[in-house]
Amino acid sequence: MIARLKGTVLESTPLQVVIDAGGVGYEVNIPVTTAEKVPPLGQECSLFIHSVYREDSATLYGFATREDRDFFRLLVEKVSGIGPKIGISILSRMSVELLRGAITSSDVALLSKCPGIGKKTAERLVIELKDKVFPKGVSEQSPSTTIPAAASAPSSFQDAVASLVILGYKPAEADKLVRKASSQLGPEASTEALIRTALA
């Protein structure tokens, strides 16, 4: 079982990357949120991997952080009707922070906007994962930690995304802008600061 892959980027597209590790080129499926962080061709890249082995194939799914990989595993292993392709599609549309906030606050309408997710699947997502998602402060060494839903109140990140959606931005676009702002300002940034930077 491959858990992590480190090597040189040979090819890169929004949903796939080929990494040369030890002379072997590994084709890895990735969400857009990870593709944004993949370095240019010829540079070193490290991805957390989820492997799917079937009789006639072996498929690798890669993520920039352990948190993203573990959330993907929750999606495909705990929620009926969501396979790896839909899981990648969901994480391509929204970041883990936004998805976690939507699940914690039972925001079925927002989750339903993910490709491949209808209202019933979105409701299953909330039911199956509400007690399994964990806030950003939880150690990555203990991804199985469960928390009460109340402990995951929407953060300034989710509030900023919601504000941009109200202003007319699509959820995926708002999420991307706030993630960029958050990376500049840090995790303690206020909602107002995130919005100002996102709109700058």
N, C-alpha and C. Protein backbone atom coordinates (compact mmCIF):
# COMPACT_ATOMS: atom_id res chain seq x y z
N MET A 1 0.85 -1.20 0.00
CA MET A 1 0.00 0.00 0.00
C MET A 1 0.88 1.24 0.00
N ILE A 2 0.70 2.10 -1.00
CA ILE A 2 1.47 3.34 -1.09
C ILE A 2 0.73 4.40 -0.27
N ALA A 3 1.43 5.01 0.71
CA ALA A 3 0.82 6.02 1.56
C ALA A 3 1.30 7.43 1.22
N ARG A 4 2.52 7.51 0.69
CA ARG A 4 3.06 8.82 0.33
C ARG A 4 4.01 8.64 -0.85
N LEU A 5 4.03 9.65 -1.72
CA LEU A 5 4.86 9.57 -2.92
C LEU A 5 5.64 10.88 -3.06
N LYS A 6 6.95 10.73 -3.24
CA LYS A 6 7.82 11.91 -3.37
C LYS A 6 8.72 11.72 -4.58
N GLY A 7 8.72 12.68 -5.48
CA GLY A 7 9.55 12.56 -6.67
C GLY A 7 9.44 13.80 -7.54
N THR A 8 9.89 13.67 -8.77
CA THR A 8 9.93 14.79 -9.72
C THR A 8 8.66 14.82 -10.57
N VAL A 9 8.13 16.01 -10.76
CA VAL A 9 6.92 16.17 -11.59
C VAL A 9 7.29 16.03 -13.07
N LEU A 10 6.72 15.02 -13.73
CA LEU A 10 6.96 14.80 -15.16
C LEU A 10 5.86 15.42 -16.02
N GLU A 11 4.62 15.26 -15.56
CA GLU A 11 3.46 15.81 -16.27
C GLU A 11 2.48 16.33 -15.24
N SER A 12 1.69 17.33 -15.64
CA SER A 12 0.72 17.89 -14.69
C SER A 12 -0.47 18.49 -15.42
N THR A 13 -1.68 18.09 -14.99
CA THR A 13 -2.92 18.66 -15.50
C THR A 13 -3.77 18.99 -14.27
N PRO A 14 -4.91 19.67 -14.45
CA PRO A 14 -5.74 20.00 -13.28
C PRO A 14 -6.24 18.80 -12.49
N LEU A 15 -6.29 17.61 -13.10
CA LEU A 15 -6.82 16.45 -12.39
C LEU A 15 -5.86 15.26 -12.34
N GLN A 16 -4.64 15.46 -12.82
CA GLN A 16 -3.70 14.33 -12.83
C GLN A 16 -2.26 14.83 -12.85
N VAL A 17 -1.38 14.06 -12.20
CA VAL A 17 0.03 14.39 -12.20
C VAL A 17 0.82 13.09 -12.35
N VAL A 18 1.93 13.15 -13.05
CA VAL A 18 2.81 11.98 -13.17
C VAL A 18 4.10 12.33 -12.43
N ILE A 19 4.45 11.49 -11.45
CA ILE A 19 5.62 11.73 -10.62
C ILE A 19 6.65 10.63 -10.83
N ASP A 20 7.88 11.03 -11.11
CA ASP A 20 8.99 10.09 -11.26
C ASP A 20 9.60 9.86 -9.88
N ALA A 21 9.42 8.67 -9.36
CA ALA A 21 10.00 8.30 -8.06
C ALA A 21 10.84 7.06 -8.24
N GLY A 22 12.15 7.20 -8.12
CA GLY A 22 13.05 6.05 -8.28
C GLY A 22 13.05 5.48 -9.67
N GLY A 23 12.83 6.32 -10.69
CA GLY A 23 12.86 5.85 -12.07
C GLY A 23 11.54 5.31 -12.57
N VAL A 24 10.51 5.31 -11.71
CA VAL A 24 9.18 4.83 -12.11
C VAL A 24 8.23 6.02 -12.15
N GLY A 25 7.48 6.15 -13.24
CA GLY A 25 6.52 7.24 -13.36
C GLY A 25 5.16 6.82 -12.83
N TYR A 26 4.74 7.43 -11.74
CA TYR A 26 3.44 7.09 -11.13
C TYR A 26 2.38 8.10 -11.57
N GLU A 27 1.29 7.58 -12.15
CA GLU A 27 0.18 8.42 -12.56
C GLU A 27 -0.78 8.56 -11.37
N VAL A 28 -1.00 9.80 -10.94
CA VAL A 28 -1.79 10.04 -9.73
C VAL A 28 -2.96 10.98 -10.05
N ASN A 29 -4.17 10.56 -9.70
CA ASN A 29 -5.35 11.40 -9.86
C ASN A 29 -5.41 12.38 -8.68
N ILE A 30 -5.63 13.66 -8.98
CA ILE A 30 -5.65 14.66 -7.92
C ILE A 30 -6.84 15.61 -8.09
N PRO A 31 -7.32 16.20 -6.99
CA PRO A 31 -8.36 17.23 -7.12
C PRO A 31 -7.73 18.56 -7.52
N VAL A 32 -8.54 19.48 -8.02
CA VAL A 32 -8.03 20.78 -8.44
C VAL A 32 -7.37 21.52 -7.29
N THR A 33 -7.91 21.34 -6.07
CA THR A 33 -7.34 22.02 -4.90
C THR A 33 -5.90 21.57 -4.63
N THR A 34 -5.54 20.35 -5.04
CA THR A 34 -4.16 19.88 -4.91
C THR A 34 -3.34 20.34 -6.11
N ALA A 35 -3.95 20.31 -7.31
CA ALA A 35 -3.25 20.73 -8.53
C ALA A 35 -2.72 22.16 -8.39
N GLU A 36 -3.46 23.00 -7.66
CA GLU A 36 -3.04 24.39 -7.45
C GLU A 36 -1.70 24.46 -6.72
N LYS A 37 -1.38 23.39 -5.96
CA LYS A 37 -0.16 23.40 -5.14
C LYS A 37 0.98 22.56 -5.74
N VAL A 38 0.72 21.91 -6.87
CA VAL A 38 1.76 21.10 -7.50
C VAL A 38 2.81 22.02 -8.12
N PRO A 39 4.10 21.79 -7.82
CA PRO A 39 5.15 22.65 -8.37
C PRO A 39 5.30 22.45 -9.88
N PRO A 40 6.06 23.33 -10.55
CA PRO A 40 6.26 23.23 -12.00
C PRO A 40 6.98 21.93 -12.40
N LEU A 41 6.90 21.58 -13.68
CA LEU A 41 7.56 20.39 -14.20
C LEU A 41 9.05 20.41 -13.86
N GLY A 42 9.57 19.24 -13.48
CA GLY A 42 10.98 19.13 -13.16
C GLY A 42 11.32 19.37 -11.71
N GLN A 43 10.34 19.90 -10.94
CA GLN A 43 10.60 20.14 -9.52
C GLN A 43 10.06 18.99 -8.67
N GLU A 44 10.52 18.94 -7.42
CA GLU A 44 10.13 17.85 -6.53
C GLU A 44 8.75 18.10 -5.94
N CYS A 45 7.98 17.02 -5.84
CA CYS A 45 6.62 17.09 -5.31
C CYS A 45 6.39 15.94 -4.34
N SER A 46 5.65 16.20 -3.29
CA SER A 46 5.31 15.16 -2.32
C SER A 46 3.81 15.14 -2.13
N LEU A 47 3.20 13.95 -2.27
CA LEU A 47 1.75 13.82 -2.14
C LEU A 47 1.39 12.70 -1.17
N PHE A 48 0.32 12.91 -0.42
CA PHE A 48 -0.24 11.84 0.41
C PHE A 48 -1.17 11.02 -0.49
N ILE A 49 -1.04 9.72 -0.43
CA ILE A 49 -1.69 8.84 -1.41
C ILE A 49 -2.77 7.95 -0.79
N HIS A 50 -3.87 7.80 -1.54
CA HIS A 50 -4.88 6.79 -1.25
C HIS A 50 -4.87 5.82 -2.44
N SER A 51 -4.62 4.56 -2.18
CA SER A 51 -4.51 3.56 -3.26
C SER A 51 -5.79 2.74 -3.37
N VAL A 52 -6.22 2.49 -4.59
CA VAL A 52 -7.39 1.63 -4.83
C VAL A 52 -6.94 0.50 -5.75
N TYR A 53 -6.99 -0.71 -5.24
CA TYR A 53 -6.56 -1.88 -6.02
C TYR A 53 -7.78 -2.73 -6.39
N ARG A 54 -7.90 -3.02 -7.68
CA ARG A 54 -8.95 -3.92 -8.16
C ARG A 54 -8.30 -5.02 -8.99
N GLU A 55 -9.08 -6.00 -9.39
CA GLU A 55 -8.52 -7.13 -10.14
C GLU A 55 -7.80 -6.69 -11.40
N ASP A 56 -8.35 -5.69 -12.07
CA ASP A 56 -7.79 -5.29 -13.36
C ASP A 56 -7.10 -3.92 -13.35
N SER A 57 -6.96 -3.32 -12.17
CA SER A 57 -6.34 -1.99 -12.13
C SER A 57 -5.81 -1.63 -10.75
N ALA A 58 -4.91 -0.67 -10.74
CA ALA A 58 -4.41 -0.08 -9.50
C ALA A 58 -4.39 1.43 -9.73
N THR A 59 -5.16 2.16 -8.94
CA THR A 59 -5.31 3.60 -9.13
C THR A 59 -4.83 4.35 -7.91
N LEU A 60 -4.07 5.42 -8.14
CA LEU A 60 -3.57 6.24 -7.05
C LEU A 60 -4.28 7.59 -7.05
N TYR A 61 -4.64 8.05 -5.84
CA TYR A 61 -5.25 9.36 -5.67
C TYR A 61 -4.35 10.15 -4.72
N GLY A 62 -3.93 11.34 -5.15
CA GLY A 62 -2.97 12.10 -4.38
C GLY A 62 -3.51 13.42 -3.86
N PHE A 63 -2.96 13.84 -2.69
CA PHE A 63 -3.44 15.06 -2.03
C PHE A 63 -2.26 15.81 -1.42
N ALA A 64 -2.39 17.14 -1.41
CA ALA A 64 -1.30 17.99 -0.92
C ALA A 64 -1.08 17.83 0.59
N THR A 65 -2.15 17.52 1.34
CA THR A 65 -2.03 17.39 2.79
C THR A 65 -2.64 16.08 3.27
N ARG A 66 -2.20 15.64 4.43
CA ARG A 66 -2.78 14.44 5.03
C ARG A 66 -4.25 14.66 5.36
N GLU A 67 -4.58 15.88 5.75
CA GLU A 67 -5.96 16.22 6.09
C GLU A 67 -6.88 16.01 4.90
N ASP A 68 -6.45 16.47 3.70
CA ASP A 68 -7.25 16.29 2.49
C ASP A 68 -7.41 14.81 2.17
N ARG A 69 -6.31 14.05 2.28
CA ARG A 69 -6.35 12.61 2.00
C ARG A 69 -7.30 11.88 2.95
N ASP A 70 -7.23 12.23 4.22
CA ASP A 70 -8.08 11.57 5.22
C ASP A 70 -9.55 11.92 5.02
N PHE A 71 -9.82 13.16 4.60
CA PHE A 71 -11.21 13.55 4.34
C PHE A 71 -11.74 12.81 3.13
N PHE A 72 -10.91 12.65 2.10
CA PHE A 72 -11.28 11.88 0.91
C PHE A 72 -11.64 10.45 1.32
N ARG A 73 -10.84 9.86 2.21
CA ARG A 73 -11.12 8.50 2.67
C ARG A 73 -12.46 8.41 3.39
N LEU A 74 -12.77 9.43 4.19
CA LEU A 74 -14.07 9.45 4.86
C LEU A 74 -15.19 9.45 3.83
N LEU A 75 -15.03 10.27 2.78
CA LEU A 75 -16.06 10.37 1.76
C LEU A 75 -16.32 9.03 1.08
N VAL A 76 -15.24 8.38 0.64
CA VAL A 76 -15.42 7.18 -0.19
C VAL A 76 -15.65 5.91 0.63
N GLU A 77 -15.25 5.92 1.90
CA GLU A 77 -15.39 4.71 2.71
C GLU A 77 -16.62 4.74 3.62
N LYS A 78 -17.11 5.93 3.95
CA LYS A 78 -18.21 6.03 4.92
C LYS A 78 -19.55 6.41 4.32
N VAL A 79 -19.55 6.98 3.10
CA VAL A 79 -20.80 7.46 2.52
C VAL A 79 -21.17 6.62 1.29
N SER A 80 -22.27 5.90 1.37
CA SER A 80 -22.69 5.07 0.25
C SER A 80 -23.07 5.97 -0.92
N GLY A 81 -22.68 5.55 -2.12
CA GLY A 81 -22.99 6.34 -3.31
C GLY A 81 -21.88 7.28 -3.74
N ILE A 82 -20.83 7.38 -2.91
CA ILE A 82 -19.69 8.24 -3.28
C ILE A 82 -18.46 7.36 -3.47
N GLY A 83 -17.99 7.30 -4.73
CA GLY A 83 -16.78 6.56 -5.05
C GLY A 83 -15.63 7.53 -5.23
N PRO A 84 -14.45 7.00 -5.58
CA PRO A 84 -13.27 7.86 -5.74
C PRO A 84 -13.45 9.00 -6.74
N LYS A 85 -14.10 8.73 -7.89
CA LYS A 85 -14.26 9.77 -8.91
C LYS A 85 -15.11 10.93 -8.39
N ILE A 86 -16.21 10.60 -7.73
CA ILE A 86 -17.06 11.67 -7.18
C ILE A 86 -16.34 12.36 -6.03
N GLY A 87 -15.58 11.59 -5.23
CA GLY A 87 -14.81 12.17 -4.13
C GLY A 87 -13.82 13.21 -4.63
N ILE A 88 -13.11 12.87 -5.71
CA ILE A 88 -12.15 13.81 -6.31
C ILE A 88 -12.89 15.04 -6.84
N SER A 89 -14.03 14.81 -7.45
CA SER A 89 -14.83 15.91 -8.00
C SER A 89 -15.29 16.86 -6.90
N ILE A 90 -15.71 16.30 -5.76
CA ILE A 90 -16.15 17.13 -4.63
C ILE A 90 -15.00 17.98 -4.11
N LEU A 91 -13.84 17.35 -3.92
CA LEU A 91 -12.68 18.08 -3.40
C LEU A 91 -12.09 19.04 -4.44
N SER A 92 -12.46 18.87 -5.71
CA SER A 92 -12.04 19.82 -6.74
C SER A 92 -12.89 21.08 -6.69
N ARG A 93 -14.12 20.92 -6.24
CA ARG A 93 -15.06 22.04 -6.22
C ARG A 93 -14.95 22.87 -4.94
N MET A 94 -14.70 22.19 -3.81
CA MET A 94 -14.65 22.90 -2.52
C MET A 94 -13.49 22.38 -1.67
N SER A 95 -12.94 23.27 -0.86
CA SER A 95 -11.84 22.88 0.03
C SER A 95 -12.39 22.08 1.21
N VAL A 96 -11.50 21.38 1.90
CA VAL A 96 -11.90 20.60 3.07
C VAL A 96 -12.51 21.50 4.13
N GLU A 97 -11.94 22.71 4.32
CA GLU A 97 -12.48 23.63 5.33
C GLU A 97 -13.94 23.95 5.06
N LEU A 98 -14.26 24.25 3.80
CA LEU A 98 -15.64 24.60 3.45
C LEU A 98 -16.56 23.39 3.56
N LEU A 99 -16.10 22.23 3.10
CA LEU A 99 -16.91 21.02 3.18
C LEU A 99 -17.19 20.64 4.63
N ARG A 100 -16.16 20.73 5.46
CA ARG A 100 -16.31 20.38 6.87
C ARG A 100 -17.33 21.32 7.54
N GLY A 101 -17.24 22.61 7.21
CA GLY A 101 -18.19 23.57 7.77
C GLY A 101 -19.61 23.30 7.31
N ALA A 102 -19.76 22.94 6.02
CA ALA A 102 -21.10 22.66 5.47
C ALA A 102 -21.70 21.42 6.12
N ILE A 103 -20.88 20.40 6.34
CA ILE A 103 -21.37 19.17 6.98
C ILE A 103 -21.75 19.43 8.43
N THR A 104 -20.89 20.16 9.15
CA THR A 104 -21.13 20.44 10.56
C THR A 104 -22.40 21.26 10.76
N SER A 105 -22.65 22.20 9.82
CA SER A 105 -23.83 23.06 9.95
C SER A 105 -25.02 22.52 9.17
N SER A 106 -24.91 21.28 8.66
CA SER A 106 -25.99 20.63 7.91
C SER A 106 -26.46 21.46 6.72
N ASP A 107 -25.51 22.07 6.01
CA ASP A 107 -25.83 22.91 4.86
C ASP A 107 -25.99 22.03 3.61
N VAL A 108 -27.16 21.38 3.51
CA VAL A 108 -27.43 20.47 2.40
C VAL A 108 -27.45 21.21 1.07
N ALA A 109 -27.94 22.44 1.07
CA ALA A 109 -28.03 23.23 -0.18
C ALA A 109 -26.64 23.45 -0.78
N LEU A 110 -25.67 23.80 0.06
CA LEU A 110 -24.31 24.03 -0.43
C LEU A 110 -23.68 22.73 -0.92
N LEU A 111 -23.84 21.66 -0.15
CA LEU A 111 -23.27 20.36 -0.54
C LEU A 111 -23.88 19.85 -1.84
N SER A 112 -25.14 20.16 -2.08
CA SER A 112 -25.84 19.71 -3.29
C SER A 112 -25.26 20.35 -4.55
N LYS A 113 -24.50 21.44 -4.38
CA LYS A 113 -23.91 22.12 -5.54
C LYS A 113 -22.66 21.43 -6.04
N CYS A 114 -22.16 20.44 -5.28
CA CYS A 114 -21.01 19.68 -5.74
C CYS A 114 -21.43 18.77 -6.89
N PRO A 115 -20.60 18.61 -7.91
CA PRO A 115 -20.95 17.73 -9.04
C PRO A 115 -21.13 16.29 -8.59
N GLY A 116 -22.19 15.66 -9.07
CA GLY A 116 -22.43 14.27 -8.71
C GLY A 116 -23.16 14.08 -7.40
N ILE A 117 -23.51 15.20 -6.74
CA ILE A 117 -24.18 15.13 -5.44
C ILE A 117 -25.58 15.72 -5.55
N GLY A 118 -26.59 14.89 -5.34
CA GLY A 118 -27.95 15.38 -5.29
C GLY A 118 -28.34 15.65 -3.85
N LYS A 119 -29.58 16.04 -3.64
CA LYS A 119 -30.02 16.37 -2.28
C LYS A 119 -29.93 15.17 -1.34
N LYS A 120 -30.34 13.99 -1.83
CA LYS A 120 -30.31 12.80 -0.96
C LYS A 120 -28.89 12.42 -0.56
N THR A 121 -27.97 12.49 -1.52
CA THR A 121 -26.57 12.16 -1.21
C THR A 121 -25.99 13.19 -0.26
N ALA A 122 -26.35 14.46 -0.45
CA ALA A 122 -25.88 15.52 0.45
C ALA A 122 -26.39 15.28 1.87
N GLU A 123 -27.64 14.84 1.98
CA GLU A 123 -28.20 14.54 3.31
C GLU A 123 -27.47 13.35 3.93
N ARG A 124 -27.10 12.35 3.11
CA ARG A 124 -26.34 11.20 3.62
C ARG A 124 -24.97 11.64 4.10
N LEU A 125 -24.35 12.57 3.35
CA LEU A 125 -23.05 13.12 3.74
C LEU A 125 -23.12 13.68 5.15
N VAL A 126 -24.15 14.48 5.41
CA VAL A 126 -24.31 15.11 6.72
C VAL A 126 -24.52 14.05 7.81
N ILE A 127 -25.42 13.10 7.53
CA ILE A 127 -25.74 12.07 8.52
C ILE A 127 -24.53 11.19 8.84
N GLU A 128 -23.80 10.77 7.79
CA GLU A 128 -22.69 9.85 7.96
C GLU A 128 -21.43 10.50 8.54
N LEU A 129 -21.21 11.78 8.21
CA LEU A 129 -19.92 12.40 8.56
C LEU A 129 -19.98 13.47 9.65
N LYS A 130 -21.17 13.87 10.05
CA LYS A 130 -21.27 15.00 10.99
C LYS A 130 -20.49 14.76 12.28
N ASP A 131 -20.48 13.52 12.76
CA ASP A 131 -19.76 13.24 14.01
C ASP A 131 -18.32 12.77 13.76
N LYS A 132 -17.88 12.83 12.49
CA LYS A 132 -16.53 12.34 12.17
C LYS A 132 -15.59 13.44 11.71
N VAL A 133 -16.12 14.55 11.22
CA VAL A 133 -15.25 15.65 10.80
C VAL A 133 -14.66 16.30 12.03
N PHE A 134 -13.48 16.88 11.88
CA PHE A 134 -12.81 17.50 13.03
C PHE A 134 -12.25 18.85 12.64
N PRO A 135 -12.16 19.77 13.59
CA PRO A 135 -11.68 21.11 13.27
C PRO A 135 -10.20 21.13 12.95
N LYS A 136 -9.77 22.24 12.35
CA LYS A 136 -8.40 22.36 11.87
C LYS A 136 -7.37 22.18 12.98
N GLY A 137 -7.73 22.52 14.19
CA GLY A 137 -6.77 22.46 15.29
C GLY A 137 -6.43 21.05 15.75
N VAL A 138 -7.22 20.05 15.34
CA VAL A 138 -6.95 18.69 15.78
C VAL A 138 -5.69 18.16 15.12
N SER A 139 -4.88 17.45 15.85
CA SER A 139 -3.61 16.95 15.33
C SER A 139 -3.82 16.04 14.13
N GLU A 140 -2.99 16.19 13.12
CA GLU A 140 -3.07 15.33 11.94
C GLU A 140 -2.69 13.90 12.28
N GLN A 141 -2.07 13.71 13.43
CA GLN A 141 -1.69 12.36 13.82
C GLN A 141 -2.89 11.55 14.29
N SER A 142 -4.03 12.23 14.55
CA SER A 142 -5.19 11.51 15.05
C SER A 142 -6.42 11.84 14.24
N PRO A 143 -6.42 11.50 12.94
CA PRO A 143 -7.53 11.86 12.06
C PRO A 143 -8.83 11.17 12.39
N SER A 144 -8.77 10.09 13.19
CA SER A 144 -9.99 9.37 13.51
C SER A 144 -10.73 9.98 14.70
N THR A 145 -10.14 11.02 15.30
CA THR A 145 -10.77 11.67 16.45
C THR A 145 -12.15 12.18 16.06
N THR A 146 -13.13 11.92 16.92
CA THR A 146 -14.47 12.43 16.66
C THR A 146 -14.75 13.56 17.64
N ILE A 147 -15.57 14.49 17.25
CA ILE A 147 -15.87 15.63 18.10
C ILE A 147 -17.35 15.89 18.07
N PRO A 148 -17.89 16.52 19.09
CA PRO A 148 -19.30 16.92 19.06
C PRO A 148 -19.49 17.95 17.97
N ALA A 149 -20.64 17.94 17.33
CA ALA A 149 -20.88 18.89 16.25
C ALA A 149 -20.73 20.32 16.72
N ALA A 150 -21.11 20.61 17.97
CA ALA A 150 -21.05 21.98 18.47
C ALA A 150 -19.64 22.52 18.51
N ALA A 151 -18.65 21.62 18.57
CA ALA A 151 -17.26 22.07 18.65
C ALA A 151 -16.74 22.57 17.31
N SER A 152 -17.52 22.37 16.25
CA SER A 152 -17.08 22.79 14.92
C SER A 152 -17.93 23.94 14.40
N ALA A 153 -18.16 24.94 15.23
CA ALA A 153 -18.94 26.09 14.78
C ALA A 153 -18.27 26.71 13.56
N PRO A 154 -19.07 27.22 12.62
CA PRO A 154 -18.49 27.81 11.42
C PRO A 154 -17.42 28.83 11.76
N SER A 155 -16.28 28.75 11.13
CA SER A 155 -15.15 29.63 11.42
C SER A 155 -15.24 30.89 10.57
N SER A 156 -14.26 31.77 10.76
CA SER A 156 -14.20 32.97 9.94
C SER A 156 -14.04 32.61 8.47
N PHE A 157 -13.41 31.46 8.20
CA PHE A 157 -13.23 30.99 6.82
C PHE A 157 -14.59 30.77 6.17
N GLN A 158 -15.45 29.97 6.83
CA GLN A 158 -16.77 29.69 6.26
C GLN A 158 -17.61 30.96 6.17
N ASP A 159 -17.49 31.84 7.18
CA ASP A 159 -18.26 33.08 7.16
C ASP A 159 -17.85 33.95 5.97
N ALA A 160 -16.54 33.99 5.70
CA ALA A 160 -16.05 34.79 4.58
C ALA A 160 -16.55 34.24 3.25
N VAL A 161 -16.50 32.91 3.11
CA VAL A 161 -17.00 32.28 1.88
C VAL A 161 -18.49 32.57 1.70
N ALA A 162 -19.25 32.43 2.79
CA ALA A 162 -20.69 32.69 2.72
C ALA A 162 -20.97 34.14 2.31
N SER A 163 -20.15 35.06 2.81
CA SER A 163 -20.34 36.47 2.47
C SER A 163 -20.10 36.71 0.99
N LEU A 164 -19.08 36.08 0.43
CA LEU A 164 -18.79 36.25 -1.00
C LEU A 164 -19.90 35.63 -1.85
N VAL A 165 -20.47 34.51 -1.39
CA VAL A 165 -21.57 33.88 -2.12
C VAL A 165 -22.77 34.83 -2.16
N ILE A 166 -23.02 35.49 -1.02
CA ILE A 166 -24.12 36.47 -0.95
C ILE A 166 -23.87 37.62 -1.93
N LEU A 167 -22.59 37.96 -2.11
CA LEU A 167 -22.24 39.04 -3.04
C LEU A 167 -22.35 38.63 -4.51
N GLY A 168 -22.63 37.32 -4.74
CA GLY A 168 -22.83 36.86 -6.11
C GLY A 168 -21.79 35.91 -6.66
N TYR A 169 -20.75 35.62 -5.86
CA TYR A 169 -19.74 34.67 -6.31
C TYR A 169 -20.27 33.24 -6.23
N LYS A 170 -19.83 32.37 -7.14
CA LYS A 170 -20.17 30.96 -7.04
C LYS A 170 -19.40 30.35 -5.88
N PRO A 171 -19.96 29.33 -5.20
CA PRO A 171 -19.29 28.75 -4.03
C PRO A 171 -17.85 28.33 -4.29
N ALA A 172 -17.59 27.70 -5.44
CA ALA A 172 -16.23 27.24 -5.73
C ALA A 172 -15.27 28.42 -5.89
N GLU A 173 -15.77 29.49 -6.55
CA GLU A 173 -14.93 30.67 -6.76
C GLU A 173 -14.67 31.39 -5.44
N ALA A 174 -15.73 31.50 -4.62
CA ALA A 174 -15.60 32.15 -3.31
C ALA A 174 -14.62 31.38 -2.43
N ASP A 175 -14.74 30.07 -2.45
CA ASP A 175 -13.85 29.20 -1.67
C ASP A 175 -12.39 29.40 -2.07
N LYS A 176 -12.15 29.47 -3.38
CA LYS A 176 -10.78 29.63 -3.88
C LYS A 176 -10.20 30.98 -3.46
N LEU A 177 -11.01 32.04 -3.56
CA LEU A 177 -10.54 33.38 -3.19
C LEU A 177 -10.21 33.46 -1.69
N VAL A 178 -11.07 32.86 -0.87
CA VAL A 178 -10.84 32.93 0.58
C VAL A 178 -9.66 32.04 0.98
N ARG A 179 -9.49 30.91 0.30
CA ARG A 179 -8.31 30.06 0.60
C ARG A 179 -7.03 30.83 0.30
N LYS A 180 -7.04 31.56 -0.82
CA LYS A 180 -5.86 32.35 -1.19
C LYS A 180 -5.60 33.44 -0.15
N ALA A 181 -6.68 34.09 0.29
CA ALA A 181 -6.56 35.14 1.30
C ALA A 181 -6.06 34.56 2.62
N SER A 182 -6.58 33.38 2.97
CA SER A 182 -6.19 32.74 4.22
C SER A 182 -4.71 32.35 4.21
N SER A 183 -4.21 31.93 3.05
CA SER A 183 -2.80 31.54 2.97
C SER A 183 -1.89 32.77 3.13
N GLN A 184 -2.41 33.93 2.78
CA GLN A 184 -1.64 35.18 2.93
C GLN A 184 -1.70 35.71 4.35
N LEU A 185 -2.88 35.62 4.96
CA LEU A 185 -3.09 36.24 6.27
C LEU A 185 -2.87 35.31 7.46
N GLY A 186 -2.96 33.99 7.22
CA GLY A 186 -2.79 33.04 8.32
C GLY A 186 -4.13 32.58 8.87
N PRO A 187 -4.12 31.48 9.66
CA PRO A 187 -5.36 30.85 10.15
C PRO A 187 -6.15 31.69 11.15
N GLU A 188 -5.52 32.70 11.76
CA GLU A 188 -6.21 33.49 12.78
C GLU A 188 -6.89 34.73 12.20
N ALA A 189 -6.86 34.89 10.89
CA ALA A 189 -7.43 36.10 10.27
C ALA A 189 -8.93 36.19 10.53
N SER A 190 -9.40 37.41 10.70
CA SER A 190 -10.82 37.64 10.93
C SER A 190 -11.61 37.52 9.63
N THR A 191 -12.92 37.37 9.77
CA THR A 191 -13.79 37.29 8.59
C THR A 191 -13.64 38.53 7.72
N GLU A 192 -13.64 39.71 8.37
CA GLU A 192 -13.53 40.96 7.64
C GLU A 192 -12.21 41.05 6.86
N ALA A 193 -11.12 40.64 7.50
CA ALA A 193 -9.80 40.69 6.85
C ALA A 193 -9.75 39.75 5.64
N LEU A 194 -10.32 38.56 5.80
CA LEU A 194 -10.37 37.60 4.70
C LEU A 194 -11.15 38.14 3.52
N ILE A 195 -12.30 38.76 3.81
CA ILE A 195 -13.13 39.30 2.74
C ILE A 195 -12.41 40.43 2.02
N ARG A 196 -11.79 41.34 2.79
CA ARG A 196 -11.08 42.47 2.17
C ARG A 196 -9.96 41.97 1.26
N THR A 197 -9.19 40.99 1.75
CA THR A 197 -8.06 40.47 0.95
C THR A 197 -8.56 39.71 -0.26
N ALA A 198 -9.65 38.95 -0.10
CA ALA A 198 -10.22 38.17 -1.22
C ALA A 198 -10.72 39.09 -2.33
N LEU A 199 -11.24 40.25 -1.95
CA LEU A 199 -11.81 41.16 -2.93
C LEU A 199 -10.78 42.15 -3.49
N ALA A 200 -9.60 42.17 -2.90
CA ALA A 200 -8.57 43.14 -3.31
C ALA A 200 -8.10 42.88 -4.74
